[in-house]
Amino acid sequence: MSGRWAEWFAFAVRHLGLTPGQFWALSLSEWRALAYPAAPVSDLPDPAALRALAARFPDRISTMKGIDHAG
């Protein structure tokens, strides 16, 4: 994990109490709803950049045990 993802992951686990699986299973809308009220504005991901990432790496069903991604 590199760049801002590591920071966002740490924020989600340490401050929001999410498990790693819960963090990675969040949709973009869910992440925004959870993070935006609590995170400083300067630390939030750029919405356009997140949309580009979501388009480049669409959700798919995970084969990892215990993680259920919407497909």
PDB file of N, CA and C in Angstrom:
ATOM      1  N   MET A   1       0.861  -1.160   0.000  1.00  0.00           N
ATOM      2  CA  MET A   1       0.000   0.000   0.000  1.00  0.00           C
ATOM      3  C   MET A   1       0.910   1.226   0.000  1.00  0.00           C
ATOM      4  N   SER A   2       0.595   2.176  -0.846  1.00  0.00           N
ATOM      5  CA  SER A   2       1.469   3.346  -0.928  1.00  0.00           C
ATOM      6  C   SER A   2       0.658   4.634  -0.955  1.00  0.00           C
ATOM      7  N   GLY A   3       1.382   5.715  -0.803  1.00  0.00           N
ATOM      8  CA  GLY A   3       0.776   7.038  -0.917  1.00  0.00           C
ATOM      9  C   GLY A   3      -0.330   7.283   0.080  1.00  0.00           C
ATOM     10  N   ARG A   4      -1.329   7.972  -0.381  1.00  0.00           N
ATOM     11  CA  ARG A   4      -2.449   8.373   0.476  1.00  0.00           C
ATOM     12  C   ARG A   4      -3.270   7.179   0.961  1.00  0.00           C
ATOM     13  N   TRP A   5      -3.276   6.068   0.203  1.00  0.00           N
ATOM     14  CA  TRP A   5      -4.078   4.919   0.617  1.00  0.00           C
ATOM     15  C   TRP A   5      -3.680   4.444   2.006  1.00  0.00           C
ATOM     16  N   ALA A   6      -2.386   4.442   2.289  1.00  0.00           N
ATOM     17  CA  ALA A   6      -1.928   4.017   3.607  1.00  0.00           C
ATOM     18  C   ALA A   6      -2.472   4.943   4.694  1.00  0.00           C
ATOM     19  N   GLU A   7      -2.485   6.236   4.422  1.00  0.00           N
ATOM     20  CA  GLU A   7      -3.010   7.199   5.393  1.00  0.00           C
ATOM     21  C   GLU A   7      -4.514   7.021   5.586  1.00  0.00           C
ATOM     22  N   TRP A   8      -5.248   6.849   4.493  1.00  0.00           N
ATOM     23  CA  TRP A   8      -6.698   6.682   4.582  1.00  0.00           C
ATOM     24  C   TRP A   8      -7.042   5.379   5.293  1.00  0.00           C
ATOM     25  N   PHE A   9      -6.258   4.336   4.999  1.00  0.00           N
ATOM     26  CA  PHE A   9      -6.461   3.043   5.652  1.00  0.00           C
ATOM     27  C   PHE A   9      -6.250   3.187   7.164  1.00  0.00           C
ATOM     28  N   ALA A  10      -5.149   3.826   7.548  1.00  0.00           N
ATOM     29  CA  ALA A  10      -4.857   4.024   8.968  1.00  0.00           C
ATOM     30  C   ALA A  10      -5.952   4.848   9.639  1.00  0.00           C
ATOM     31  N   PHE A  11      -6.428   5.884   8.972  1.00  0.00           N
ATOM     32  CA  PHE A  11      -7.512   6.706   9.509  1.00  0.00           C
ATOM     33  C   PHE A  11      -8.757   5.855   9.736  1.00  0.00           C
ATOM     34  N   ALA A  12      -9.099   5.027   8.767  1.00  0.00           N
ATOM     35  CA  ALA A  12     -10.300   4.200   8.867  1.00  0.00           C
ATOM     36  C   ALA A  12     -10.203   3.198  10.007  1.00  0.00           C
ATOM     37  N   VAL A  13      -9.039   2.589  10.156  1.00  0.00           N
ATOM     38  CA  VAL A  13      -8.872   1.577  11.193  1.00  0.00           C
ATOM     39  C   VAL A  13      -8.732   2.213  12.574  1.00  0.00           C
ATOM     40  N   ARG A  14      -7.891   3.220  12.690  1.00  0.00           N
ATOM     41  CA  ARG A  14      -7.614   3.821  14.003  1.00  0.00           C
ATOM     42  C   ARG A  14      -8.723   4.731  14.510  1.00  0.00           C
ATOM     43  N   HIS A  15      -9.296   5.527  13.621  1.00  0.00           N
ATOM     44  CA  HIS A  15     -10.254   6.540  14.064  1.00  0.00           C
ATOM     45  C   HIS A  15     -11.714   6.155  13.843  1.00  0.00           C
ATOM     46  N   LEU A  16     -11.961   5.354  12.829  1.00  0.00           N
ATOM     47  CA  LEU A  16     -13.342   4.954  12.567  1.00  0.00           C
ATOM     48  C   LEU A  16     -13.649   3.556  13.087  1.00  0.00           C
ATOM     49  N   GLY A  17     -12.598   2.820  13.493  1.00  0.00           N
ATOM     50  CA  GLY A  17     -12.796   1.493  14.061  1.00  0.00           C
ATOM     51  C   GLY A  17     -13.143   0.407  13.065  1.00  0.00           C
ATOM     52  N   LEU A  18     -12.830   0.627  11.791  1.00  0.00           N
ATOM     53  CA  LEU A  18     -13.117  -0.381  10.775  1.00  0.00           C
ATOM     54  C   LEU A  18     -12.049  -1.459  10.770  1.00  0.00           C
ATOM     55  N   THR A  19     -12.422  -2.661  10.385  1.00  0.00           N
ATOM     56  CA  THR A  19     -11.440  -3.710  10.154  1.00  0.00           C
ATOM     57  C   THR A  19     -10.868  -3.500   8.751  1.00  0.00           C
ATOM     58  N   PRO A  20      -9.719  -4.100   8.443  1.00  0.00           N
ATOM     59  CA  PRO A  20      -9.193  -3.963   7.085  1.00  0.00           C
ATOM     60  C   PRO A  20     -10.195  -4.421   6.024  1.00  0.00           C
ATOM     61  N   GLY A  21     -10.861  -5.529   6.263  1.00  0.00           N
ATOM     62  CA  GLY A  21     -11.844  -6.022   5.296  1.00  0.00           C
ATOM     63  C   GLY A  21     -12.991  -5.047   5.080  1.00  0.00           C
ATOM     64  N   GLN A  22     -13.444  -4.427   6.163  1.00  0.00           N
ATOM     65  CA  GLN A  22     -14.522  -3.439   6.049  1.00  0.00           C
ATOM     66  C   GLN A  22     -14.062  -2.229   5.249  1.00  0.00           C
ATOM     67  N   PHE A  23     -12.820  -1.783   5.491  1.00  0.00           N
ATOM     68  CA  PHE A  23     -12.297  -0.633   4.744  1.00  0.00           C
ATOM     69  C   PHE A  23     -12.286  -0.920   3.250  1.00  0.00           C
ATOM     70  N   TRP A  24     -11.713  -2.054   2.862  1.00  0.00           N
ATOM     71  CA  TRP A  24     -11.576  -2.354   1.436  1.00  0.00           C
ATOM     72  C   TRP A  24     -12.904  -2.687   0.778  1.00  0.00           C
ATOM     73  N   ALA A  25     -13.908  -3.053   1.559  1.00  0.00           N
ATOM     74  CA  ALA A  25     -15.224  -3.362   0.999  1.00  0.00           C
ATOM     75  C   ALA A  25     -16.101  -2.123   0.813  1.00  0.00           C
ATOM     76  N   LEU A  26     -15.674  -0.975   1.349  1.00  0.00           N
ATOM     77  CA  LEU A  26     -16.481   0.244   1.231  1.00  0.00           C
ATOM     78  C   LEU A  26     -16.607   0.713  -0.208  1.00  0.00           C
ATOM     79  N   SER A  27     -17.780   1.170  -0.545  1.00  0.00           N
ATOM     80  CA  SER A  27     -17.960   1.844  -1.832  1.00  0.00           C
ATOM     81  C   SER A  27     -17.439   3.275  -1.692  1.00  0.00           C
ATOM     82  N   LEU A  28     -17.259   3.944  -2.788  1.00  0.00           N
ATOM     83  CA  LEU A  28     -16.803   5.331  -2.762  1.00  0.00           C
ATOM     84  C   LEU A  28     -17.792   6.204  -1.977  1.00  0.00           C
ATOM     85  N   SER A  29     -19.072   5.995  -2.179  1.00  0.00           N
ATOM     86  CA  SER A  29     -20.094   6.766  -1.453  1.00  0.00           C
ATOM     87  C   SER A  29     -20.035   6.503   0.042  1.00  0.00           C
ATOM     88  N   GLU A  30     -19.835   5.255   0.408  1.00  0.00           N
ATOM     89  CA  GLU A  30     -19.740   4.926   1.834  1.00  0.00           C
ATOM     90  C   GLU A  30     -18.498   5.559   2.462  1.00  0.00           C
ATOM     91  N   TRP A  31     -17.368   5.506   1.755  1.00  0.00           N
ATOM     92  CA  TRP A  31     -16.131   6.103   2.274  1.00  0.00           C
ATOM     93  C   TRP A  31     -16.317   7.600   2.490  1.00  0.00           C
ATOM     94  N   ARG A  32     -16.915   8.262   1.520  1.00  0.00           N
ATOM     95  CA  ARG A  32     -17.139   9.704   1.654  1.00  0.00           C
ATOM     96  C   ARG A  32     -18.027  10.013   2.853  1.00  0.00           C
ATOM     97  N   ALA A  33     -19.090   9.244   3.010  1.00  0.00           N
ATOM     98  CA  ALA A  33     -20.013   9.490   4.117  1.00  0.00           C
ATOM     99  C   ALA A  33     -19.330   9.301   5.466  1.00  0.00           C
ATOM    100  N   LEU A  34     -18.430   8.340   5.563  1.00  0.00           N
ATOM    101  CA  LEU A  34     -17.723   8.089   6.817  1.00  0.00           C
ATOM    102  C   LEU A  34     -16.585   9.071   7.054  1.00  0.00           C
ATOM    103  N   ALA A  35     -15.821   9.362   6.038  1.00  0.00           N
ATOM    104  CA  ALA A  35     -14.577  10.121   6.211  1.00  0.00           C
ATOM    105  C   ALA A  35     -14.765  11.630   6.196  1.00  0.00           C
ATOM    106  N   TYR A  36     -15.620  12.129   5.368  1.00  0.00           N
ATOM    107  CA  TYR A  36     -15.697  13.574   5.207  1.00  0.00           C
ATOM    108  C   TYR A  36     -16.073  14.327   6.474  1.00  0.00           C
ATOM    109  N   PRO A  37     -17.004  13.834   7.287  1.00  0.00           N
ATOM    110  CA  PRO A  37     -17.314  14.598   8.499  1.00  0.00           C
ATOM    111  C   PRO A  37     -16.160  14.632   9.508  1.00  0.00           C
ATOM    112  N   ALA A  38     -15.297  13.619   9.505  1.00  0.00           N
ATOM    113  CA  ALA A  38     -14.267  13.499  10.533  1.00  0.00           C
ATOM    114  C   ALA A  38     -12.876  13.933  10.091  1.00  0.00           C
ATOM    115  N   ALA A  39     -12.597  13.869   8.805  1.00  0.00           N
ATOM    116  CA  ALA A  39     -11.241  14.138   8.317  1.00  0.00           C
ATOM    117  C   ALA A  39     -11.084  15.610   7.948  1.00  0.00           C
ATOM    118  N   PRO A  40      -9.901  16.152   8.174  1.00  0.00           N
ATOM    119  CA  PRO A  40      -9.643  17.520   7.709  1.00  0.00           C
ATOM    120  C   PRO A  40      -9.782  17.587   6.190  1.00  0.00           C
ATOM    121  N   VAL A  41     -10.342  18.658   5.695  1.00  0.00           N
ATOM    122  CA  VAL A  41     -10.602  18.783   4.255  1.00  0.00           C
ATOM    123  C   VAL A  41      -9.341  18.588   3.429  1.00  0.00           C
ATOM    124  N   SER A  42      -8.204  19.103   3.893  1.00  0.00           N
ATOM    125  CA  SER A  42      -6.974  18.984   3.116  1.00  0.00           C
ATOM    126  C   SER A  42      -6.493  17.545   3.016  1.00  0.00           C
ATOM    127  N   ASP A  43      -6.963  16.669   3.906  1.00  0.00           N
ATOM    128  CA  ASP A  43      -6.527  15.281   3.894  1.00  0.00           C
ATOM    129  C   ASP A  43      -7.437  14.357   3.102  1.00  0.00           C
ATOM    130  N   LEU A  44      -8.523  14.877   2.587  1.00  0.00           N
ATOM    131  CA  LEU A  44      -9.467  14.040   1.857  1.00  0.00           C
ATOM    132  C   LEU A  44      -9.001  13.809   0.430  1.00  0.00           C
ATOM    133  N   PRO A  45      -9.315  12.636  -0.108  1.00  0.00           N
ATOM    134  CA  PRO A  45      -8.965  12.375  -1.494  1.00  0.00           C
ATOM    135  C   PRO A  45      -9.777  13.263  -2.427  1.00  0.00           C
ATOM    136  N   ASP A  46      -9.169  13.644  -3.517  1.00  0.00           N
ATOM    137  CA  ASP A  46      -9.848  14.434  -4.529  1.00  0.00           C
ATOM    138  C   ASP A  46     -10.961  13.593  -5.158  1.00  0.00           C
ATOM    139  N   PRO A  47     -12.206  14.062  -5.157  1.00  0.00           N
ATOM    140  CA  PRO A  47     -13.302  13.264  -5.706  1.00  0.00           C
ATOM    141  C   PRO A  47     -13.081  12.833  -7.161  1.00  0.00           C
ATOM    142  N   ALA A  48     -12.518  13.692  -7.970  1.00  0.00           N
ATOM    143  CA  ALA A  48     -12.267  13.324  -9.369  1.00  0.00           C
ATOM    144  C   ALA A  48     -11.234  12.198  -9.465  1.00  0.00           C
ATOM    145  N   ALA A  49     -10.217  12.261  -8.613  1.00  0.00           N
ATOM    146  CA  ALA A  49      -9.202  11.207  -8.614  1.00  0.00           C
ATOM    147  C   ALA A  49      -9.796   9.880  -8.148  1.00  0.00           C
ATOM    148  N   LEU A  50     -10.683   9.931  -7.151  1.00  0.00           N
ATOM    149  CA  LEU A  50     -11.326   8.702  -6.695  1.00  0.00           C
ATOM    150  C   LEU A  50     -12.239   8.116  -7.757  1.00  0.00           C
ATOM    151  N   ARG A  51     -12.959   8.961  -8.472  1.00  0.00           N
ATOM    152  CA  ARG A  51     -13.817   8.472  -9.560  1.00  0.00           C
ATOM    153  C   ARG A  51     -12.970   7.807 -10.644  1.00  0.00           C
ATOM    154  N   ALA A  52     -11.830   8.400 -10.960  1.00  0.00           N
ATOM    155  CA  ALA A  52     -10.939   7.823 -11.974  1.00  0.00           C
ATOM    156  C   ALA A  52     -10.420   6.459 -11.513  1.00  0.00           C
ATOM    157  N   LEU A  53     -10.052   6.356 -10.235  1.00  0.00           N
ATOM    158  CA  LEU A  53      -9.595   5.070  -9.705  1.00  0.00           C
ATOM    159  C   LEU A  53     -10.716   4.033  -9.719  1.00  0.00           C
ATOM    160  N   ALA A  54     -11.918   4.453  -9.345  1.00  0.00           N
ATOM    161  CA  ALA A  54     -13.054   3.537  -9.343  1.00  0.00           C
ATOM    162  C   ALA A  54     -13.357   3.026 -10.748  1.00  0.00           C
ATOM    163  N   ALA A  55     -13.216   3.890 -11.738  1.00  0.00           N
ATOM    164  CA  ALA A  55     -13.437   3.480 -13.122  1.00  0.00           C
ATOM    165  C   ALA A  55     -12.329   2.540 -13.594  1.00  0.00           C
ATOM    166  N   ARG A  56     -11.111   2.821 -13.171  1.00  0.00           N
ATOM    167  CA  ARG A  56      -9.970   1.998 -13.594  1.00  0.00           C
ATOM    168  C   ARG A  56      -9.960   0.635 -12.906  1.00  0.00           C
ATOM    169  N   PHE A  57     -10.416   0.600 -11.652  1.00  0.00           N
ATOM    170  CA  PHE A  57     -10.409  -0.630 -10.868  1.00  0.00           C
ATOM    171  C   PHE A  57     -11.805  -0.894 -10.306  1.00  0.00           C
ATOM    172  N   PRO A  58     -12.738  -1.325 -11.158  1.00  0.00           N
ATOM    173  CA  PRO A  58     -14.111  -1.539 -10.682  1.00  0.00           C
ATOM    174  C   PRO A  58     -14.168  -2.675  -9.662  1.00  0.00           C
ATOM    175  N   ASP A  59     -15.169  -2.584  -8.774  1.00  0.00           N
ATOM    176  CA  ASP A  59     -15.372  -3.636  -7.782  1.00  0.00           C
ATOM    177  C   ASP A  59     -15.691  -4.943  -8.477  1.00  0.00           C
ATOM    178  N   ARG A  60     -15.246  -6.019  -7.859  1.00  0.00           N
ATOM    179  CA  ARG A  60     -15.595  -7.352  -8.340  1.00  0.00           C
ATOM    180  C   ARG A  60     -15.698  -8.261  -7.131  1.00  0.00           C
ATOM    181  N   ILE A  61     -16.305  -9.383  -7.310  1.00  0.00           N
ATOM    182  CA  ILE A  61     -16.478 -10.314  -6.203  1.00  0.00           C
ATOM    183  C   ILE A  61     -15.119 -10.877  -5.821  1.00  0.00           C
ATOM    184  N   SER A  62     -14.814 -10.794  -4.554  1.00  0.00           N
ATOM    185  CA  SER A  62     -13.532 -11.264  -4.042  1.00  0.00           C
ATOM    186  C   SER A  62     -13.586 -12.759  -3.753  1.00  0.00           C
ATOM    187  N   THR A  63     -12.463 -13.404  -3.967  1.00  0.00           N
ATOM    188  CA  THR A  63     -12.348 -14.818  -3.620  1.00  0.00           C
ATOM    189  C   THR A  63     -11.717 -14.984  -2.243  1.00  0.00           C
ATOM    190  N   MET A  64     -11.401 -13.855  -1.599  1.00  0.00           N
ATOM    191  CA  MET A  64     -10.801 -13.918  -0.268  1.00  0.00           C
ATOM    192  C   MET A  64     -11.869 -14.271   0.749  1.00  0.00           C
ATOM    193  N   LYS A  65     -11.552 -15.217   1.600  1.00  0.00           N
ATOM    194  CA  LYS A  65     -12.490 -15.659   2.619  1.00  0.00           C
ATOM    195  C   LYS A  65     -12.823 -14.522   3.579  1.00  0.00           C
ATOM    196  N   GLY A  66     -14.110 -14.321   3.822  1.00  0.00           N
ATOM    197  CA  GLY A  66     -14.542 -13.322   4.794  1.00  0.00           C
ATOM    198  C   GLY A  66     -14.732 -11.932   4.234  1.00  0.00           C
ATOM    199  N   ILE A  67     -14.452 -11.741   2.957  1.00  0.00           N
ATOM    200  CA  ILE A  67     -14.642 -10.422   2.361  1.00  0.00           C
ATOM    201  C   ILE A  67     -15.651 -10.557   1.237  1.00  0.00           C
ATOM    202  N   ASP A  68     -16.724  -9.818   1.339  1.00  0.00           N
ATOM    203  CA  ASP A  68     -17.787  -9.896   0.352  1.00  0.00           C
ATOM    204  C   ASP A  68     -17.888  -8.554  -0.362  1.00  0.00           C
ATOM    205  N   HIS A  69     -17.318  -8.478  -1.557  1.00  0.00           N
ATOM    206  CA  HIS A  69     -17.373  -7.244  -2.347  1.00  0.00           C
ATOM    207  C   HIS A  69     -18.559  -7.303  -3.264  1.00  0.00           C
ATOM    208  N   ALA A  70     -19.224  -6.195  -3.421  1.00  0.00           N
ATOM    209  CA  ALA A  70     -20.339  -6.125  -4.374  1.00  0.00           C
ATOM    210  C   ALA A  70     -19.766  -6.195  -5.786  1.00  0.00           C
ATOM    211  N   GLY A  71     -20.415  -6.881  -6.652  1.00  0.00           N
ATOM    212  CA  GLY A  71     -19.876  -7.061  -8.001  1.00  0.00           C
ATOM    213  C   GLY A  71     -20.601  -6.396  -9.061  1.00  0.00           C
TER     214      GLY A  71
END
